[in-house]
Structure formats: C-alpha cells, structure tokens
N, C-alpha and C. Protein backbone atom coordinates (compact mmCIF):
# COMPACT_ATOMS: atom_id res chain seq x y z
N MET A 1 19.23 -10.78 22.73
CA MET A 1 18.19 -10.38 23.54
C MET A 1 17.51 -11.49 23.70
N TYR A 2 15.77 -10.82 23.49
CA TYR A 2 14.75 -11.84 23.80
C TYR A 2 14.14 -12.43 22.50
N GLU A 3 13.77 -13.68 22.52
CA GLU A 3 13.28 -14.28 21.88
C GLU A 3 11.71 -14.29 21.71
N ALA A 4 10.68 -14.26 20.52
CA ALA A 4 9.45 -14.14 20.50
C ALA A 4 8.84 -15.41 20.80
N HIS A 5 7.71 -15.36 21.59
CA HIS A 5 6.89 -16.44 21.83
C HIS A 5 5.44 -15.99 21.97
N HIS A 6 4.86 -15.81 20.78
CA HIS A 6 3.84 -15.47 20.49
C HIS A 6 2.98 -15.79 19.57
N GLU A 7 1.79 -15.48 19.54
CA GLU A 7 0.77 -16.00 18.77
C GLU A 7 0.72 -15.56 17.27
N TYR A 8 1.56 -14.38 16.78
CA TYR A 8 1.92 -13.96 15.54
C TYR A 8 2.87 -15.01 14.59
N CYS A 9 3.31 -15.81 15.29
CA CYS A 9 4.15 -16.51 14.43
C CYS A 9 5.15 -17.53 14.89
N ASP A 10 5.52 -18.21 14.26
CA ASP A 10 6.76 -18.94 14.62
C ASP A 10 7.97 -17.87 13.93
N ALA A 11 8.18 -17.15 14.65
CA ALA A 11 9.35 -16.03 14.31
C ALA A 11 10.38 -16.63 14.27
N TYR A 12 10.99 -18.05 14.48
CA TYR A 12 11.91 -18.53 14.62
C TYR A 12 12.04 -18.76 13.08
N LEU A 13 11.11 -19.52 12.68
CA LEU A 13 11.13 -20.07 11.29
C LEU A 13 11.38 -18.89 10.11
N VAL A 14 10.66 -17.48 10.41
CA VAL A 14 10.61 -16.67 9.79
C VAL A 14 12.11 -16.16 9.57
N ARG A 15 12.77 -15.97 10.68
CA ARG A 15 13.98 -15.18 10.91
C ARG A 15 15.32 -16.12 10.07
N GLU A 16 14.78 -17.47 9.73
CA GLU A 16 15.94 -18.39 9.26
C GLU A 16 16.00 -17.90 7.79
N THR A 17 15.06 -17.27 7.27
CA THR A 17 14.73 -17.48 5.73
C THR A 17 15.93 -15.90 5.38
N GLU A 18 16.43 -16.12 4.12
CA GLU A 18 17.20 -14.99 3.20
C GLU A 18 16.01 -14.13 3.26
N ALA A 19 14.70 -14.01 2.83
CA ALA A 19 13.96 -13.29 2.33
C ALA A 19 13.72 -12.17 3.67
N TRP A 20 13.32 -12.95 4.85
CA TRP A 20 13.21 -12.15 5.96
C TRP A 20 14.30 -11.07 6.55
N GLN A 21 15.62 -11.57 6.15
CA GLN A 21 16.74 -10.84 6.23
C GLN A 21 16.65 -9.35 5.48
N SER A 22 16.19 -9.46 4.15
CA SER A 22 16.15 -8.17 3.37
C SER A 22 14.67 -7.78 3.28
N GLN A 23 13.65 -8.33 3.66
CA GLN A 23 12.28 -7.85 3.72
C GLN A 23 12.31 -6.45 4.28
N PRO A 24 11.90 -5.51 3.65
CA PRO A 24 11.87 -4.06 4.45
C PRO A 24 10.95 -4.22 5.54
N THR A 25 11.36 -3.71 6.47
CA THR A 25 10.52 -3.43 7.87
C THR A 25 10.57 -1.77 8.21
N THR A 26 9.57 -1.19 8.60
CA THR A 26 9.38 -0.03 9.30
C THR A 26 8.96 0.00 10.54
N ILE A 27 9.44 0.49 11.63
CA ILE A 27 9.19 0.91 12.90
C ILE A 27 8.78 2.24 13.41
N VAL A 28 7.91 2.75 13.30
CA VAL A 28 7.61 3.75 13.77
C VAL A 28 7.12 4.03 15.16
N THR A 29 7.65 5.31 15.75
CA THR A 29 7.40 5.59 17.01
C THR A 29 6.38 6.80 17.04
N ILE A 30 5.28 6.62 17.65
CA ILE A 30 4.60 8.00 17.66
C ILE A 30 4.17 8.47 19.27
N GLY A 31 4.04 9.43 19.75
CA GLY A 31 3.08 9.75 20.64
C GLY A 31 1.97 10.10 20.54
N LEU A 32 0.78 9.83 21.19
CA LEU A 32 -0.32 9.92 21.21
C LEU A 32 -1.26 11.11 21.65
N ASN A 33 -0.09 11.97 22.65
CA ASN A 33 -0.61 13.11 23.11
C ASN A 33 -0.25 14.54 22.60
N GLY A 34 0.84 14.32 21.52
CA GLY A 34 1.31 15.40 20.90
C GLY A 34 0.81 15.81 19.80
N ASP A 35 1.25 16.72 18.75
CA ASP A 35 0.50 17.28 17.78
C ASP A 35 0.81 16.25 16.64
N CYS A 36 2.19 16.11 16.22
CA CYS A 36 2.60 15.64 15.16
C CYS A 36 2.07 14.05 14.78
N GLY A 37 2.33 13.15 15.82
CA GLY A 37 1.95 11.85 15.89
C GLY A 37 0.46 11.44 16.02
N LYS A 38 -0.37 12.53 17.12
CA LYS A 38 -1.70 12.20 17.29
C LYS A 38 -2.23 12.61 15.78
N ASN A 39 -2.14 13.53 14.95
CA ASN A 39 -2.39 13.69 13.87
C ASN A 39 -2.35 12.84 13.06
N HIS A 40 -1.20 12.10 12.61
CA HIS A 40 -0.99 10.84 11.89
C HIS A 40 -1.58 10.03 12.29
N PHE A 41 -1.97 9.34 13.30
CA PHE A 41 -2.56 8.23 14.08
C PHE A 41 -3.97 8.49 14.16
N ASP A 42 -4.51 9.40 14.19
CA ASP A 42 -6.23 10.04 14.06
C ASP A 42 -6.62 9.99 12.58
N SER A 43 -5.51 9.86 11.77
CA SER A 43 -5.72 10.00 10.26
C SER A 43 -5.73 8.74 9.70
N ALA A 44 -5.59 7.61 10.38
CA ALA A 44 -5.37 6.39 9.62
C ALA A 44 -5.98 5.43 10.57
N PRO A 45 -7.57 5.27 10.34
CA PRO A 45 -8.35 4.86 11.29
C PRO A 45 -7.85 3.29 11.47
N GLY A 46 -7.27 2.73 10.75
CA GLY A 46 -6.89 1.17 11.21
C GLY A 46 -5.63 1.00 11.65
N LEU A 47 -4.72 2.03 11.66
CA LEU A 47 -3.38 2.10 12.28
C LEU A 47 -3.33 1.46 13.93
N LYS A 48 -4.12 1.53 14.24
CA LYS A 48 -4.17 0.93 15.78
C LYS A 48 -4.06 -0.70 15.64
N ASP A 49 -4.44 -1.25 14.76
CA ASP A 49 -4.29 -2.68 14.53
C ASP A 49 -2.74 -2.94 14.49
N TYR A 50 -1.85 -1.99 14.12
CA TYR A 50 -0.32 -2.08 13.80
C TYR A 50 0.03 -1.66 15.14
N ALA A 51 -0.38 -0.98 16.22
CA ALA A 51 -0.02 -0.41 17.10
C ALA A 51 0.30 -1.12 18.37
N VAL A 52 1.11 -0.75 19.23
CA VAL A 52 1.41 -1.37 20.62
C VAL A 52 1.81 -0.11 21.53
N ASP A 53 0.84 0.03 22.44
CA ASP A 53 1.01 1.06 23.30
C ASP A 53 1.76 0.54 24.54
N VAL A 54 3.07 1.15 24.44
CA VAL A 54 4.01 0.83 25.67
C VAL A 54 3.44 1.33 27.05
N ARG A 55 2.41 2.50 26.96
CA ARG A 55 1.90 2.62 28.41
C ARG A 55 1.32 1.56 29.32
N GLU A 56 0.77 0.37 28.55
CA GLU A 56 0.45 -0.71 29.00
C GLU A 56 1.23 -1.36 30.09
N TRP A 57 2.22 -1.57 29.77
CA TRP A 57 3.90 -2.29 30.34
C TRP A 57 4.70 -1.33 30.84
N LEU A 58 5.00 -0.22 30.52
CA LEU A 58 5.99 0.77 30.91
C LEU A 58 5.32 2.38 31.78
N PRO A 59 5.44 2.33 33.14
CA PRO A 59 5.15 3.69 33.79
C PRO A 59 5.90 4.97 33.03
N HIS A 60 5.22 5.73 33.22
CA HIS A 60 5.97 7.38 32.88
C HIS A 60 6.97 7.54 34.12
N ASP A 61 8.16 7.92 33.14
CA ASP A 61 9.20 8.54 34.44
C ASP A 61 9.02 10.01 34.79
N PRO A 62 8.50 10.18 35.53
CA PRO A 62 8.77 11.53 36.18
C PRO A 62 10.02 12.29 36.20
N THR A 63 11.20 11.64 35.93
CA THR A 63 12.84 12.21 36.21
C THR A 63 13.03 12.72 34.63
N ARG A 64 12.37 12.80 34.11
CA ARG A 64 12.72 13.04 32.69
C ARG A 64 14.36 12.85 32.12
N MET A 65 13.85 11.39 31.89
CA MET A 65 15.41 10.92 31.45
C MET A 65 15.45 11.69 29.95
N PRO A 66 16.61 11.53 29.05
CA PRO A 66 16.78 12.08 28.01
C PRO A 66 16.18 11.30 27.12
N ARG A 67 16.18 11.82 25.95
CA ARG A 67 15.04 11.06 24.94
C ARG A 67 15.47 9.53 24.74
N GLY A 68 14.68 8.92 23.89
CA GLY A 68 14.70 7.34 23.71
C GLY A 68 16.06 7.02 22.74
N THR A 69 16.32 8.19 22.18
CA THR A 69 17.74 7.61 21.36
C THR A 69 19.33 7.59 22.25
N SER A 70 18.79 7.98 23.52
CA SER A 70 19.97 8.08 24.64
C SER A 70 20.15 6.51 25.14
N LEU A 71 21.41 5.95 25.10
CA LEU A 71 21.88 4.75 25.52
C LEU A 71 21.26 4.34 26.87
N LEU A 72 21.73 5.46 27.89
CA LEU A 72 21.42 5.51 29.22
C LEU A 72 19.90 5.34 29.31
N THR A 73 18.73 6.09 28.52
CA THR A 73 17.53 5.68 28.78
C THR A 73 17.10 4.33 28.21
N GLN A 74 17.49 4.08 26.96
CA GLN A 74 17.51 2.63 26.91
C GLN A 74 17.72 1.62 27.81
N SER A 75 18.89 1.60 28.15
CA SER A 75 19.10 1.03 29.19
C SER A 75 17.97 1.09 30.60
N LYS A 76 17.64 2.41 30.81
CA LYS A 76 17.00 2.61 31.97
C LYS A 76 15.22 1.37 31.49
N ILE A 77 15.11 1.70 30.32
CA ILE A 77 14.04 1.12 30.11
C ILE A 77 13.90 -0.37 30.09
N MET A 78 14.81 -0.99 29.59
CA MET A 78 15.49 -2.28 29.58
C MET A 78 15.07 -3.09 31.02
N GLU A 79 15.39 -2.32 31.89
CA GLU A 79 15.58 -2.63 33.38
C GLU A 79 13.90 -2.59 34.10
N GLN A 80 12.99 -1.90 33.60
CA GLN A 80 11.99 -2.14 33.85
C GLN A 80 10.92 -3.27 34.01
N PRO A 81 10.32 -4.02 34.85
CA PRO A 81 9.71 -5.13 34.80
C PRO A 81 8.74 -5.40 33.51
N GLY A 82 8.12 -4.24 33.20
CA GLY A 82 7.40 -4.46 32.10
C GLY A 82 7.97 -4.52 30.75
N PHE A 83 9.26 -4.50 30.57
CA PHE A 83 9.88 -4.30 29.27
C PHE A 83 10.15 -5.91 28.43
N LYS A 84 10.21 -6.91 29.42
CA LYS A 84 10.41 -8.05 28.57
C LYS A 84 9.05 -8.55 27.73
N PRO A 85 8.04 -8.37 28.63
CA PRO A 85 6.88 -8.84 28.19
C PRO A 85 6.62 -7.71 26.73
N LEU A 86 6.78 -6.71 26.91
CA LEU A 86 6.31 -5.58 25.92
C LEU A 86 7.50 -6.01 24.82
N PHE A 87 8.84 -6.06 25.04
CA PHE A 87 9.43 -6.52 23.94
C PHE A 87 9.11 -7.86 23.09
N ASP A 88 8.74 -8.98 23.98
CA ASP A 88 8.24 -9.94 23.12
C ASP A 88 7.23 -9.60 22.27
N GLU A 89 6.26 -8.68 22.35
CA GLU A 89 5.23 -7.88 21.58
C GLU A 89 5.58 -7.74 20.63
N VAL A 90 6.47 -6.47 20.61
CA VAL A 90 7.05 -5.59 19.44
C VAL A 90 7.81 -6.58 18.40
N ASN A 91 8.48 -7.22 19.31
CA ASN A 91 9.30 -8.33 18.46
C ASN A 91 8.80 -9.21 17.83
N ALA A 92 7.71 -9.98 18.19
CA ALA A 92 7.10 -10.85 17.20
C ALA A 92 6.26 -10.06 16.09
N ARG A 93 5.76 -9.13 16.59
CA ARG A 93 4.90 -8.35 15.14
C ARG A 93 5.90 -8.12 14.43
N ALA A 94 7.35 -7.19 14.62
CA ALA A 94 8.04 -6.84 13.75
C ALA A 94 8.62 -8.05 13.05
N SER A 95 8.53 -8.99 13.33
CA SER A 95 9.10 -10.35 12.36
C SER A 95 8.29 -10.92 11.66
N VAL A 96 6.90 -10.39 11.56
CA VAL A 96 5.78 -10.69 10.61
C VAL A 96 5.19 -9.98 9.74
N ARG A 97 5.38 -8.73 10.25
CA ARG A 97 4.56 -7.74 9.69
C ARG A 97 5.34 -6.46 9.09
N GLU A 98 5.27 -5.59 7.79
CA GLU A 98 5.84 -5.17 7.63
C GLU A 98 6.02 -3.79 8.15
N ILE A 99 5.00 -3.54 8.94
CA ILE A 99 5.14 -1.90 9.81
C ILE A 99 4.78 -2.43 11.06
N THR A 100 5.58 -1.96 12.35
CA THR A 100 5.34 -2.39 13.66
C THR A 100 5.16 -0.42 14.35
N VAL A 101 3.97 0.27 14.72
CA VAL A 101 3.82 1.31 15.34
C VAL A 101 4.14 1.18 16.64
N ILE A 102 4.99 1.71 17.21
CA ILE A 102 5.30 1.71 19.00
C ILE A 102 4.60 3.56 19.63
N CYS A 103 3.70 3.20 20.35
CA CYS A 103 2.87 4.43 20.87
C CYS A 103 3.47 4.88 22.28
N CYS A 104 3.38 5.94 22.71
CA CYS A 104 3.59 6.21 24.27
C CYS A 104 2.86 7.76 24.23
N SER A 105 3.09 8.36 25.51
CA SER A 105 2.42 9.47 25.67
C SER A 105 2.75 10.54 24.87
N ALA A 106 4.00 11.30 24.91
CA ALA A 106 4.66 12.24 23.87
C ALA A 106 5.54 11.90 22.82
N GLY A 107 5.67 10.52 22.71
CA GLY A 107 6.75 10.01 21.42
C GLY A 107 8.09 10.53 21.47
N HIS A 108 8.46 11.05 22.87
CA HIS A 108 9.91 11.06 22.99
C HIS A 108 10.89 10.22 23.63
N HIS A 109 10.41 9.39 24.84
CA HIS A 109 11.10 8.49 25.70
C HIS A 109 10.74 7.16 25.45
N ARG A 110 9.71 6.50 26.10
CA ARG A 110 9.67 5.44 26.04
C ARG A 110 9.44 4.43 24.86
N SER A 111 8.62 5.26 23.87
CA SER A 111 8.13 4.28 22.70
C SER A 111 9.77 4.50 21.65
N VAL A 112 10.36 5.57 21.62
CA VAL A 112 11.81 5.97 20.80
C VAL A 112 12.73 4.88 21.43
N ALA A 113 12.79 4.72 22.91
CA ALA A 113 13.99 4.08 23.06
C ALA A 113 13.49 2.34 22.75
N VAL A 114 12.10 2.14 22.97
CA VAL A 114 12.01 0.91 22.45
C VAL A 114 12.14 0.20 21.16
N GLY A 115 11.65 1.48 20.28
CA GLY A 115 12.09 1.13 18.89
C GLY A 115 13.17 0.83 18.27
N GLU A 116 14.45 2.11 19.11
CA GLU A 116 16.01 2.02 19.04
C GLU A 116 16.51 0.13 19.61
N ILE A 117 15.70 -0.02 20.79
CA ILE A 117 16.17 -1.30 20.85
C ILE A 117 15.87 -2.54 20.08
N LEU A 118 14.52 -2.24 19.39
CA LEU A 118 13.85 -3.37 18.27
C LEU A 118 15.13 -3.45 17.21
N GLN A 119 15.36 -2.01 16.60
CA GLN A 119 15.94 -2.07 15.58
C GLN A 119 17.09 -2.68 15.85
N LYS A 120 17.89 -2.49 16.74
CA LYS A 120 19.35 -3.54 16.85
C LYS A 120 19.49 -4.53 17.12
N HIS A 121 17.93 -5.18 17.93
CA HIS A 121 17.99 -6.42 18.03
C HIS A 121 17.52 -7.37 16.61
N LEU A 122 16.72 -6.64 15.83
CA LEU A 122 16.36 -7.15 14.34
C LEU A 122 17.93 -7.55 13.56
N VAL A 123 18.64 -6.24 13.80
CA VAL A 123 20.38 -6.63 13.16
C VAL A 123 20.71 -7.87 13.67
N SER A 124 20.80 -7.84 15.07
CA SER A 124 21.55 -8.88 15.63
C SER A 124 20.92 -10.49 15.27
N GLN A 125 19.77 -10.20 14.69
CA GLN A 125 18.89 -11.43 14.35
C GLN A 125 19.41 -11.66 12.81
N GLY A 126 19.84 -11.13 12.02
CA GLY A 126 20.10 -11.38 10.99
C GLY A 126 19.49 -10.10 9.83
N LYS A 127 18.66 -9.24 10.44
CA LYS A 127 18.31 -8.34 9.49
C LYS A 127 18.96 -7.56 9.04
N GLU A 128 19.00 -7.40 7.64
CA GLU A 128 19.87 -6.15 6.97
C GLU A 128 19.55 -4.96 7.62
N PRO A 129 20.57 -4.20 7.93
CA PRO A 129 20.45 -2.81 8.56
C PRO A 129 19.84 -2.03 7.31
N TRP A 130 19.95 -1.96 6.20
CA TRP A 130 19.36 -1.36 5.07
C TRP A 130 17.84 -1.34 4.90
N ALA A 131 17.64 -2.76 5.50
CA ALA A 131 15.99 -3.16 5.18
C ALA A 131 15.31 -2.50 6.22
N ILE A 132 15.64 -1.77 7.24
CA ILE A 132 14.91 -1.08 8.55
C ILE A 132 14.73 0.26 8.56
N SER A 133 13.54 0.57 8.08
CA SER A 133 13.43 2.24 8.18
C SER A 133 12.70 2.65 9.87
N LEU A 134 13.45 3.21 10.72
CA LEU A 134 12.95 3.61 11.77
C LEU A 134 12.76 4.95 11.99
N ILE A 135 11.51 5.35 12.03
CA ILE A 135 11.05 7.07 11.82
C ILE A 135 10.40 6.99 13.41
N HIS A 136 10.95 8.11 13.90
CA HIS A 136 10.27 8.94 15.17
C HIS A 136 9.83 9.85 15.10
N VAL A 137 8.08 9.88 15.08
CA VAL A 137 7.50 11.01 14.44
C VAL A 137 7.38 12.13 15.31
N ASP A 138 7.44 11.90 16.75
CA ASP A 138 7.30 13.30 17.36
C ASP A 138 8.65 13.87 17.93
N THR A 139 9.82 13.09 17.67
CA THR A 139 10.93 13.37 18.24
C THR A 139 11.75 13.98 17.03
N GLU A 140 11.19 13.85 15.55
CA GLU A 140 11.97 14.33 14.66
C GLU A 140 11.32 15.37 13.89
N CYS A 141 10.24 16.22 14.17
CA CYS A 141 9.15 16.97 13.66
C CYS A 141 9.83 18.08 13.03
N ASP A 142 11.34 18.73 13.25
CA ASP A 142 11.84 19.63 12.94
C ASP A 142 12.95 18.90 12.04
N ARG A 143 13.14 17.96 11.70
CA ARG A 143 14.34 17.26 11.23
C ARG A 143 14.47 17.52 9.78
N VAL A 144 15.54 17.83 9.15
CA VAL A 144 15.34 17.78 7.60
C VAL A 144 15.26 16.63 7.23
N GLY A 145 13.72 16.32 6.45
CA GLY A 145 13.61 14.98 5.50
C GLY A 145 12.43 14.23 6.29
N TYR A 146 12.00 15.13 7.82
CA TYR A 146 10.89 14.63 8.14
C TYR A 146 9.73 14.65 7.07
N ASP A 147 9.22 15.72 6.32
CA ASP A 147 8.25 15.55 5.50
C ASP A 147 8.45 14.55 4.43
N ASP A 148 9.47 14.10 3.86
CA ASP A 148 9.76 12.77 3.07
C ASP A 148 9.43 11.43 4.00
N ASP A 149 9.60 11.47 5.33
CA ASP A 149 9.23 10.20 5.95
C ASP A 149 7.71 10.40 6.19
N MET A 150 7.30 11.48 6.48
CA MET A 150 5.67 11.69 6.26
C MET A 150 5.13 11.14 5.20
N LEU A 151 5.47 11.37 3.96
CA LEU A 151 5.21 10.90 2.81
C LEU A 151 5.24 9.12 2.75
N LEU A 152 6.48 8.48 3.18
CA LEU A 152 6.62 7.34 3.33
C LEU A 152 5.43 6.70 3.95
N LEU A 153 4.67 7.29 5.46
CA LEU A 153 4.05 6.81 5.99
C LEU A 153 2.89 6.71 5.49
N THR A 154 2.36 7.97 4.97
CA THR A 154 0.96 7.88 4.07
C THR A 154 0.92 7.07 2.97
N ASP A 155 1.91 6.74 2.09
CA ASP A 155 1.93 5.79 1.28
C ASP A 155 2.09 4.32 1.72
N TRP A 156 2.61 3.95 3.23
CA TRP A 156 2.26 2.58 3.98
C TRP A 156 0.66 2.61 4.20
N TRP A 157 0.29 3.57 4.81
CA TRP A 157 -1.16 3.59 5.33
C TRP A 157 -2.02 3.61 4.35
N THR A 158 -1.64 4.10 3.29
CA THR A 158 -2.67 3.77 1.88
C THR A 158 -2.75 2.20 1.54
N ARG A 159 -1.56 1.98 1.11
CA ARG A 159 -1.21 0.61 0.81
C ARG A 159 -2.02 -0.32 1.72
N LEU A 160 -1.97 -0.23 3.19
CA LEU A 160 -2.57 -1.20 3.83
C LEU A 160 -3.68 -0.97 4.14
N GLY A 161 -4.44 0.03 3.45
CA GLY A 161 -5.92 0.50 3.57
C GLY A 161 -6.11 1.07 4.80
N LEU A 162 -5.27 1.54 5.48
CA LEU A 162 -5.75 2.20 6.67
C LEU A 162 -6.17 3.86 6.46
N CYS A 163 -5.75 4.29 5.48
CA CYS A 163 -6.28 5.51 5.05
C CYS A 163 -6.46 5.91 3.56
N THR A 164 -6.94 6.98 3.07
CA THR A 164 -7.11 6.98 1.67
C THR A 164 -5.77 7.78 1.00
N ALA A 165 -5.55 8.30 -0.06
CA ALA A 165 -4.49 9.36 -0.18
C ALA A 165 -5.05 10.45 -0.17
N GLY A 166 -4.42 11.47 0.55
CA GLY A 166 -4.67 12.73 0.72
C GLY A 166 -5.26 12.72 2.40
N ASP A 167 -5.51 11.71 2.99
CA ASP A 167 -6.07 11.62 4.70
C ASP A 167 -4.82 12.00 5.46
N GLY A 168 -3.91 11.38 5.07
CA GLY A 168 -2.39 11.41 6.15
C GLY A 168 -1.65 12.92 5.84
C-alpha cells in the first residue's frame, strides 16, 4: 500500500523493530455528528490532538455506499483523489502513536473504511494482528461488547490526560 512520508517519524525505522510489531495500537473511528461518538469526543478535550478528520480529504458520497466495513466501500474510498494524502497522514500517526482517531460526519462510512484499510496495511507491514484494536464507535453502538470498548477508550483517554476518570 502506501508508505508514510511525514513529520511525525521515520516510520520506516520504527517499523523495522520487533517492539513496533507487538506494540499495542488502537484505531478508533468516530462520527462527529452522531450521539455516540460526539459524546465521547466532546468528553475528552485533548482528543483532537489524536484525531484526523477525513472530511478534509474525502467528500461525502450522497449515493449512500454500504458501511465502511464493506470491501466495496473501501475500494471506492481508495479511488478518491484525497485518499493517498489522507492515508499518508493516518499511517504516519499510527506508526508512532498508541492511539489514532479517525473522524467523519456520522462515523459509518468514510472513517470506518479508512480505519479498516489502515488496520490491514499495518498487518501487511509486520504489525501483529493481535496488537491492533479497531473500535468503530458509531457503527457499533448496539454491538455486544460495545460498553467494554467504551471503558477501554475512557481508560486510554484518562492515561493520555485527555479526560479525568468519570468524564468519558
């Protein structure tokens, strides 16, 4: 896929290490207009420092593609002109940060597709699949285990100083 050329890192050197391969990485997709994601995003003031808003690169598709977990949607997203610079950005962040937050309007299509593509790419670069947590906040509000994921996020945000315990 794509290689990162970004101010964040020499991602190539980071990836060469065994530590990078097994270092836990969390990818979170959030919608900024819905209830679930917006509430979590608003409750963690520093979260914006970890977030990439795909709306800056990818226009909203009014044809209503299937959810971002669909390979068809991922393929359409990858064909958009803004995808490569967006992917370079999220890939560079995920290469050096323990958590990367990918946002869009509703958190169902664009951010989810980018998160799914990023997860596959990291595995293709040697990241251990078990070391990657991919949490789709808005598409999975009614999923069994969702509350556990939200506790994980609140724990992350507290450890990173983005919110205090009980805020999330």
